[in-house]
Protein backbone atom coordinates (compact mmCIF):
# COMPACT_ATOMS: atom_id res chain seq x y z
CA MET A 1 7.69 -18.16 -1.42
CA ALA A 2 5.15 -18.43 1.38
CA ALA A 3 5.35 -17.66 5.08
CA PRO A 4 4.15 -20.32 7.56
CA GLY A 5 0.72 -18.65 7.64
CA GLY A 6 0.42 -18.84 3.86
CA GLY A 7 1.24 -15.20 3.04
CA GLU A 8 3.17 -14.95 -0.21
CA PHE A 9 6.42 -13.00 -0.57
CA CYS A 10 9.29 -12.70 -3.05
CA ALA A 11 12.94 -13.11 -2.09
CA PHE A 12 15.60 -11.46 -4.25
CA VAL A 13 19.01 -13.12 -3.96
CA ARG A 14 21.90 -10.68 -4.33
CA ALA A 15 25.65 -10.98 -3.95
CA GLU A 16 25.62 -8.08 -1.49
CA PRO A 17 22.49 -7.35 0.57
CA PRO A 18 21.40 -3.72 0.30
CA GLY A 19 21.34 -1.53 3.41
CA GLN A 20 17.57 -1.33 3.09
CA ARG A 21 16.43 -4.94 3.30
CA LEU A 22 12.71 -4.28 2.73
CA TYR A 23 12.72 -3.96 -1.05
CA GLU A 24 9.08 -3.71 -2.15
CA LEU A 25 5.59 -3.62 -0.77
CA VAL A 26 3.12 -5.15 -3.23
CA LEU A 27 -0.65 -4.67 -3.55
CA ASP A 28 -3.03 -6.47 -5.89
CA ALA A 29 -5.71 -4.54 -7.75
CA ASN A 30 -8.26 -4.93 -10.50
CA ASP A 31 -7.09 -1.56 -11.88
CA PRO A 32 -3.39 -1.31 -10.95
CA ARG A 33 -2.83 2.02 -12.69
CA ALA A 34 -5.71 3.71 -10.85
CA VAL A 35 -4.67 2.30 -7.45
CA ALA A 36 -1.00 3.18 -7.97
CA THR A 37 -1.95 6.68 -9.09
CA TRP A 38 -4.14 7.08 -6.00
CA TRP A 39 -1.29 6.03 -3.68
CA ALA A 40 1.12 8.32 -5.59
CA ARG A 41 -1.14 11.29 -4.84
CA LEU A 42 -1.27 10.26 -1.19
CA LEU A 43 2.40 9.40 -0.61
CA GLY A 44 4.29 11.29 -3.28
CA GLY A 45 7.03 9.62 -5.25
CA ARG A 46 7.57 8.68 -8.88
CA LEU A 47 5.04 6.53 -10.72
CA THR A 48 6.33 4.15 -13.39
CA SER A 49 5.39 1.04 -15.36
CA ASP A 50 7.54 -1.25 -17.49
CA ASP A 51 4.65 -2.93 -19.24
CA GLY A 52 1.48 -0.90 -18.58
CA SER A 53 0.14 -3.80 -16.53
CA SER A 54 1.92 -3.49 -13.19
CA TRP A 55 2.64 -0.05 -11.78
CA ALA A 56 5.28 0.97 -9.25
CA LEU A 57 5.74 3.97 -7.04
CA GLY A 58 9.39 4.74 -6.26
CA GLU A 59 11.25 7.45 -4.40
CA VAL A 60 8.45 7.72 -1.85
CA PRO A 61 9.59 10.28 0.74
CA GLY A 62 10.33 8.55 4.07
CA ALA A 63 9.38 5.05 2.86
CA PRO A 64 11.37 2.12 4.31
CA PHE A 65 11.20 0.32 0.95
CA GLU A 66 12.30 1.08 -2.61
CA TRP A 67 8.99 0.44 -4.38
CA LEU A 68 5.27 0.23 -3.77
CA VAL A 69 4.15 -2.10 -6.56
CA VAL A 70 0.56 -2.61 -7.68
CA ASN A 71 0.00 -5.80 -9.69
CA PRO A 72 -3.08 -6.79 -11.66
CA SER A 73 -5.38 -9.35 -10.10
CA PRO A 74 -8.66 -10.52 -11.64
CA ASP A 75 -9.89 -11.68 -8.23
CA ALA A 76 -12.27 -9.61 -6.16
CA LYS A 77 -11.07 -8.67 -2.69
CA THR A 78 -12.98 -10.87 -0.26
CA ALA A 79 -11.19 -10.58 3.10
CA LYS A 80 -9.12 -8.21 5.21
CA ASN A 81 -5.55 -7.69 3.98
CA ARG A 82 -2.98 -9.58 6.05
CA VAL A 83 -0.52 -6.72 5.51
CA HIS A 84 -1.47 -3.08 5.28
CA ILE A 85 0.13 0.34 5.07
CA ASP A 86 0.23 2.77 8.02
CA VAL A 87 0.46 6.49 7.22
CA THR A 88 0.50 9.71 9.19
CA SER A 89 -1.86 12.53 8.30
CA ASP A 90 -3.56 15.40 10.05
CA ASP A 91 -6.16 15.79 7.28
CA LEU A 92 -8.61 12.89 7.36
CA GLU A 93 -11.15 14.86 5.34
CA ALA A 94 -8.67 15.23 2.46
CA LEU A 95 -8.11 11.46 2.41
CA LEU A 96 -11.85 10.83 2.33
CA ALA A 97 -12.32 13.46 -0.39
CA ALA A 98 -9.58 11.73 -2.42
CA GLY A 99 -11.53 8.47 -2.42
CA ALA A 100 -10.59 6.70 0.81
CA ARG A 101 -13.38 5.04 2.74
CA LEU A 102 -13.59 5.13 6.55
CA LEU A 103 -13.83 1.59 7.94
CA ARG A 104 -13.33 2.31 11.65
CA PRO A 105 -12.83 5.53 13.60
CA PRO A 106 -10.81 5.69 16.82
CA ASP A 107 -12.69 4.13 19.71
CA GLY A 108 -12.03 2.60 23.12
CA ASP A 109 -9.81 -0.08 21.56
CA ILE A 110 -7.80 1.87 18.95
CA GLY A 111 -6.54 5.46 18.73
CA TRP A 112 -6.26 5.69 14.94
CA HIS A 113 -8.51 5.65 11.88
CA VAL A 114 -8.79 2.56 9.66
CA LEU A 115 -9.49 3.44 6.03
CA ALA A 116 -9.54 1.64 2.67
CA ASP A 117 -8.19 2.79 -0.68
CA PRO A 118 -10.58 2.86 -3.68
CA GLU A 119 -10.22 -0.93 -4.20
CA GLY A 120 -10.64 -1.80 -0.52
CA ASN A 121 -7.00 -2.23 0.59
CA GLU A 122 -6.98 -1.29 4.27
CA PHE A 123 -4.59 1.27 5.72
CA CYS A 124 -4.32 2.97 9.10
CA VAL A 125 -4.00 6.71 9.58
CA PHE A 126 -2.19 8.09 12.60
CA ALA A 127 -2.09 11.76 13.58
CA PRO A 128 1.46 13.10 13.39
């Protein structure tokens, strides 16, 4: 499906809606295993794959969704993500040492750091 602005999403029809309505958050990557592994180190959780192509991170502590899925995409990232992940951390240096890239530090307009994962997917880091 697509939202009015063109953003794609999947809808899963079930007889009984689960208590947690946000089911998955999905990222695209050229190397899904590497990106999923990177996020698993950052967020915790259980890494799995049914086919070795797409990778999923489940049982992420505190996540409001069941799975963070990373699908293969042959396309290069060319623009800012329309959806991104926000995390809390008090150790920015550890994120940078793990392969994140600083895109924007806090300034007069924002009070958080904007980073990118190794394939350029943006995420924001808030101090706890």
